[in-house]
Amino acid sequence: MRIRIDGTHAEIAYAVNKIRTILPIGSISQILPLHQRPHTWRVFLNTAPKRPERRWIT
């Protein structure tokens, strides 16, 4: 799945950290400036395949 995030540096960092706690992140694109809006950036996240469940050794 590909996720697009637009916002300031702080908003992008916060969103990536929140998404990373829920979904495994495969790759993150370069941060691209949006020329129509000042101080606004765009980044794309690609999610990775689902993590295998870890089993506790008893």
PDB file of N, CA and C in Angstrom:
ATOM      1  N   MET A   1       0.844  -1.152   0.000  1.00  0.00           N
ATOM      2  CA  MET A   1       0.000   0.000   0.000  1.00  0.00           C
ATOM      3  C   MET A   1       0.904   1.234   0.000  1.00  0.00           C
ATOM      4  N   ARG A   2       0.507   2.249  -0.706  1.00  0.00           N
ATOM      5  CA  ARG A   2       1.269   3.486  -0.783  1.00  0.00           C
ATOM      6  C   ARG A   2       0.487   4.584  -0.070  1.00  0.00           C
ATOM      7  N   ILE A   3       1.145   5.287   0.828  1.00  0.00           N
ATOM      8  CA  ILE A   3       0.514   6.335   1.631  1.00  0.00           C
ATOM      9  C   ILE A   3       1.219   7.650   1.333  1.00  0.00           C
ATOM     10  N   ARG A   4       0.438   8.698   1.059  1.00  0.00           N
ATOM     11  CA  ARG A   4       0.998  10.027   0.822  1.00  0.00           C
ATOM     12  C   ARG A   4       0.719  10.906   2.024  1.00  0.00           C
ATOM     13  N   ILE A   5       1.752  11.628   2.482  1.00  0.00           N
ATOM     14  CA  ILE A   5       1.606  12.544   3.609  1.00  0.00           C
ATOM     15  C   ILE A   5       2.087  13.918   3.173  1.00  0.00           C
ATOM     16  N   ASP A   6       1.235  14.924   3.362  1.00  0.00           N
ATOM     17  CA  ASP A   6       1.593  16.314   3.090  1.00  0.00           C
ATOM     18  C   ASP A   6       1.596  17.067   4.404  1.00  0.00           C
ATOM     19  N   GLY A   7       2.590  17.955   4.594  1.00  0.00           N
ATOM     20  CA  GLY A   7       2.615  18.765   5.807  1.00  0.00           C
ATOM     21  C   GLY A   7       3.987  19.351   6.057  1.00  0.00           C
ATOM     22  N   THR A   8       4.139  19.954   7.219  1.00  0.00           N
ATOM     23  CA  THR A   8       5.436  20.503   7.614  1.00  0.00           C
ATOM     24  C   THR A   8       6.345  19.354   8.032  1.00  0.00           C
ATOM     25  N   HIS A   9       7.611  19.659   8.277  1.00  0.00           N
ATOM     26  CA  HIS A   9       8.548  18.615   8.710  1.00  0.00           C
ATOM     27  C   HIS A   9       8.067  17.941   9.988  1.00  0.00           C
ATOM     28  N   ALA A  10       7.582  18.723  10.935  1.00  0.00           N
ATOM     29  CA  ALA A  10       7.129  18.161  12.209  1.00  0.00           C
ATOM     30  C   ALA A  10       5.901  17.276  12.014  1.00  0.00           C
ATOM     31  N   GLU A  11       4.968  17.699  11.173  1.00  0.00           N
ATOM     32  CA  GLU A  11       3.765  16.903  10.928  1.00  0.00           C
ATOM     33  C   GLU A  11       4.104  15.588  10.235  1.00  0.00           C
ATOM     34  N   ILE A  12       5.037  15.635   9.289  1.00  0.00           N
ATOM     35  CA  ILE A  12       5.438  14.419   8.584  1.00  0.00           C
ATOM     36  C   ILE A  12       6.133  13.452   9.536  1.00  0.00           C
ATOM     37  N   ALA A  13       7.036  13.965  10.364  1.00  0.00           N
ATOM     38  CA  ALA A  13       7.743  13.106  11.320  1.00  0.00           C
ATOM     39  C   ALA A  13       6.770  12.463  12.305  1.00  0.00           C
ATOM     40  N   TYR A  14       5.806  13.230  12.799  1.00  0.00           N
ATOM     41  CA  TYR A  14       4.819  12.700  13.736  1.00  0.00           C
ATOM     42  C   TYR A  14       3.966  11.614  13.065  1.00  0.00           C
ATOM     43  N   ALA A  15       3.504  11.874  11.837  1.00  0.00           N
ATOM     44  CA  ALA A  15       2.655  10.911  11.134  1.00  0.00           C
ATOM     45  C   ALA A  15       3.410   9.624  10.824  1.00  0.00           C
ATOM     46  N   VAL A  16       4.659   9.738  10.390  1.00  0.00           N
ATOM     47  CA  VAL A  16       5.452   8.540  10.080  1.00  0.00           C
ATOM     48  C   VAL A  16       5.658   7.702  11.334  1.00  0.00           C
ATOM     49  N   ASN A  17       5.950   8.336  12.458  1.00  0.00           N
ATOM     50  CA  ASN A  17       6.131   7.583  13.702  1.00  0.00           C
ATOM     51  C   ASN A  17       4.846   6.897  14.140  1.00  0.00           C
ATOM     52  N   LYS A  18       3.706   7.557  13.998  1.00  0.00           N
ATOM     53  CA  LYS A  18       2.425   6.935  14.361  1.00  0.00           C
ATOM     54  C   LYS A  18       2.097   5.766  13.441  1.00  0.00           C
ATOM     55  N   ILE A  19       2.317   5.946  12.129  1.00  0.00           N
ATOM     56  CA  ILE A  19       2.031   4.866  11.179  1.00  0.00           C
ATOM     57  C   ILE A  19       2.970   3.691  11.407  1.00  0.00           C
ATOM     58  N   ARG A  20       4.227   3.976  11.740  1.00  0.00           N
ATOM     59  CA  ARG A  20       5.214   2.921  11.967  1.00  0.00           C
ATOM     60  C   ARG A  20       4.839   2.025  13.141  1.00  0.00           C
ATOM     61  N   THR A  21       4.108   2.545  14.128  1.00  0.00           N
ATOM     62  CA  THR A  21       3.685   1.715  15.257  1.00  0.00           C
ATOM     63  C   THR A  21       2.590   0.733  14.853  1.00  0.00           C
ATOM     64  N   ILE A  22       1.853   1.052  13.787  1.00  0.00           N
ATOM     65  CA  ILE A  22       0.735   0.207  13.358  1.00  0.00           C
ATOM     66  C   ILE A  22       1.116  -0.703  12.195  1.00  0.00           C
ATOM     67  N   LEU A  23       1.788  -0.131  11.187  1.00  0.00           N
ATOM     68  CA  LEU A  23       2.118  -0.866   9.972  1.00  0.00           C
ATOM     69  C   LEU A  23       3.631  -0.967   9.795  1.00  0.00           C
ATOM     70  N   PRO A  24       4.103  -2.060   9.214  1.00  0.00           N
ATOM     71  CA  PRO A  24       5.531  -2.128   8.884  1.00  0.00           C
ATOM     72  C   PRO A  24       5.812  -1.265   7.654  1.00  0.00           C
ATOM     73  N   ILE A  25       6.847  -0.437   7.716  1.00  0.00           N
ATOM     74  CA  ILE A  25       7.197   0.467   6.626  1.00  0.00           C
ATOM     75  C   ILE A  25       8.293  -0.178   5.794  1.00  0.00           C
ATOM     76  N   GLY A  26       8.054  -0.307   4.487  1.00  0.00           N
ATOM     77  CA  GLY A  26       9.049  -0.877   3.593  1.00  0.00           C
ATOM     78  C   GLY A  26      10.035   0.160   3.114  1.00  0.00           C
ATOM     79  N   SER A  27       9.533   1.308   2.663  1.00  0.00           N
ATOM     80  CA  SER A  27      10.422   2.364   2.182  1.00  0.00           C
ATOM     81  C   SER A  27       9.731   3.714   2.326  1.00  0.00           C
ATOM     82  N   ILE A  28      10.566   4.752   2.403  1.00  0.00           N
ATOM     83  CA  ILE A  28      10.090   6.130   2.496  1.00  0.00           C
ATOM     84  C   ILE A  28      10.774   6.909   1.386  1.00  0.00           C
ATOM     85  N   SER A  29       9.992   7.658   0.592  1.00  0.00           N
ATOM     86  CA  SER A  29      10.569   8.431  -0.496  1.00  0.00           C
ATOM     87  C   SER A  29      11.288   9.659   0.033  1.00  0.00           C
ATOM     88  N   GLN A  30      11.964  10.349  -0.861  1.00  0.00           N
ATOM     89  CA  GLN A  30      12.580  11.613  -0.488  1.00  0.00           C
ATOM     90  C   GLN A  30      11.487  12.623  -0.168  1.00  0.00           C
ATOM     91  N   ILE A  31      11.796  13.561   0.705  1.00  0.00           N
ATOM     92  CA  ILE A  31      10.840  14.609   1.046  1.00  0.00           C
ATOM     93  C   ILE A  31      10.879  15.656  -0.066  1.00  0.00           C
ATOM     94  N   LEU A  32       9.724  15.861  -0.717  1.00  0.00           N
ATOM     95  CA  LEU A  32       9.630  16.772  -1.847  1.00  0.00           C
ATOM     96  C   LEU A  32       8.895  18.045  -1.439  1.00  0.00           C
ATOM     97  N   PRO A  33       9.409  19.215  -1.806  1.00  0.00           N
ATOM     98  CA  PRO A  33       8.694  20.453  -1.479  1.00  0.00           C
ATOM     99  C   PRO A  33       7.495  20.639  -2.405  1.00  0.00           C
ATOM    100  N   LEU A  34       6.415  21.194  -1.856  1.00  0.00           N
ATOM    101  CA  LEU A  34       5.255  21.562  -2.660  1.00  0.00           C
ATOM    102  C   LEU A  34       5.403  23.041  -3.009  1.00  0.00           C
ATOM    103  N   HIS A  35       5.513  23.346  -4.280  1.00  0.00           N
ATOM    104  CA  HIS A  35       5.786  24.710  -4.692  1.00  0.00           C
ATOM    105  C   HIS A  35       4.570  25.626  -4.547  1.00  0.00           C
ATOM    106  N   GLN A  36       3.374  25.057  -4.506  1.00  0.00           N
ATOM    107  CA  GLN A  36       2.174  25.873  -4.380  1.00  0.00           C
ATOM    108  C   GLN A  36       1.979  26.383  -2.956  1.00  0.00           C
ATOM    109  N   ARG A  37       2.551  25.683  -1.973  1.00  0.00           N
ATOM    110  CA  ARG A  37       2.331  26.027  -0.572  1.00  0.00           C
ATOM    111  C   ARG A  37       3.665  26.179   0.144  1.00  0.00           C
ATOM    112  N   PRO A  38       3.896  27.292   0.812  1.00  0.00           N
ATOM    113  CA  PRO A  38       5.171  27.464   1.515  1.00  0.00           C
ATOM    114  C   PRO A  38       5.263  26.578   2.754  1.00  0.00           C
ATOM    115  N   HIS A  39       6.455  26.113   3.065  1.00  0.00           N
ATOM    116  CA  HIS A  39       6.748  25.293   4.250  1.00  0.00           C
ATOM    117  C   HIS A  39       5.944  24.001   4.281  1.00  0.00           C
ATOM    118  N   THR A  40       5.556  23.493   3.106  1.00  0.00           N
ATOM    119  CA  THR A  40       4.793  22.252   3.031  1.00  0.00           C
ATOM    120  C   THR A  40       5.572  21.260   2.172  1.00  0.00           C
ATOM    121  N   TRP A  41       5.605  20.031   2.637  1.00  0.00           N
ATOM    122  CA  TRP A  41       6.378  18.984   1.992  1.00  0.00           C
ATOM    123  C   TRP A  41       5.501  17.768   1.746  1.00  0.00           C
ATOM    124  N   ARG A  42       5.948  16.868   0.862  1.00  0.00           N
ATOM    125  CA  ARG A  42       5.207  15.641   0.545  1.00  0.00           C
ATOM    126  C   ARG A  42       6.170  14.468   0.624  1.00  0.00           C
ATOM    127  N   VAL A  43       5.683  13.390   1.199  1.00  0.00           N
ATOM    128  CA  VAL A  43       6.470  12.161   1.290  1.00  0.00           C
ATOM    129  C   VAL A  43       5.533  10.980   1.028  1.00  0.00           C
ATOM    130  N   PHE A  44       6.080   9.922   0.420  1.00  0.00           N
ATOM    131  CA  PHE A  44       5.325   8.702   0.152  1.00  0.00           C
ATOM    132  C   PHE A  44       5.911   7.565   0.971  1.00  0.00           C
ATOM    133  N   LEU A  45       5.042   6.781   1.593  1.00  0.00           N
ATOM    134  CA  LEU A  45       5.443   5.599   2.360  1.00  0.00           C
ATOM    135  C   LEU A  45       4.932   4.365   1.640  1.00  0.00           C
ATOM    136  N   ASN A  46       5.756   3.350   1.535  1.00  0.00           N
ATOM    137  CA  ASN A  46       5.337   2.049   1.030  1.00  0.00           C
ATOM    138  C   ASN A  46       5.372   1.078   2.196  1.00  0.00           C
ATOM    139  N   THR A  47       4.250   0.428   2.431  1.00  0.00           N
ATOM    140  CA  THR A  47       4.206  -0.525   3.531  1.00  0.00           C
ATOM    141  C   THR A  47       4.815  -1.842   3.079  1.00  0.00           C
ATOM    142  N   ALA A  48       5.373  -2.553   4.017  1.00  0.00           N
ATOM    143  CA  ALA A  48       6.017  -3.839   3.763  1.00  0.00           C
ATOM    144  C   ALA A  48       5.004  -4.960   3.986  1.00  0.00           C
ATOM    145  N   PRO A  49       5.362  -6.170   3.602  1.00  0.00           N
ATOM    146  CA  PRO A  49       4.480  -7.298   3.911  1.00  0.00           C
ATOM    147  C   PRO A  49       4.292  -7.424   5.427  1.00  0.00           C
ATOM    148  N   LYS A  50       3.204  -8.048   5.802  1.00  0.00           N
ATOM    149  CA  LYS A  50       2.883  -8.179   7.220  1.00  0.00           C
ATOM    150  C   LYS A  50       3.983  -8.932   7.960  1.00  0.00           C
ATOM    151  N   ARG A  51       4.318  -8.434   9.137  1.00  0.00           N
ATOM    152  CA  ARG A  51       5.350  -9.083   9.955  1.00  0.00           C
ATOM    153  C   ARG A  51       4.846 -10.429  10.453  1.00  0.00           C
ATOM    154  N   PRO A  52       5.730 -11.416  10.480  1.00  0.00           N
ATOM    155  CA  PRO A  52       5.300 -12.695  11.050  1.00  0.00           C
ATOM    156  C   PRO A  52       5.121 -12.554  12.556  1.00  0.00           C
ATOM    157  N   GLU A  53       4.133 -13.246  13.080  1.00  0.00           N
ATOM    158  CA  GLU A  53       3.906 -13.166  14.526  1.00  0.00           C
ATOM    159  C   GLU A  53       5.008 -13.929  15.239  1.00  0.00           C
ATOM    160  N   ARG A  54       5.500 -13.323  16.279  1.00  0.00           N
ATOM    161  CA  ARG A  54       6.546 -13.969  17.072  1.00  0.00           C
ATOM    162  C   ARG A  54       5.892 -14.774  18.190  1.00  0.00           C
ATOM    163  N   ARG A  55       6.408 -15.943  18.409  1.00  0.00           N
ATOM    164  CA  ARG A  55       5.863 -16.781  19.470  1.00  0.00           C
ATOM    165  C   ARG A  55       6.830 -16.803  20.634  1.00  0.00           C
ATOM    166  N   TRP A  56       6.251 -16.781  21.791  1.00  0.00           N
ATOM    167  CA  TRP A  56       7.062 -16.842  23.008  1.00  0.00           C
ATOM    168  C   TRP A  56       7.577 -18.253  23.205  1.00  0.00           C
ATOM    169  N   ILE A  57       8.830 -18.364  23.575  1.00  0.00           N
ATOM    170  CA  ILE A  57       9.409 -19.670  23.867  1.00  0.00           C
ATOM    171  C   ILE A  57       9.094 -20.011  25.307  1.00  0.00           C
ATOM    172  N   THR A  58       8.426 -21.149  25.513  1.00  0.00           N
ATOM    173  CA  THR A  58       8.042 -21.522  26.883  1.00  0.00           C
ATOM    174  C   THR A  58       8.798 -22.732  27.341  1.00  0.00           C
TER     175      THR A  58
END
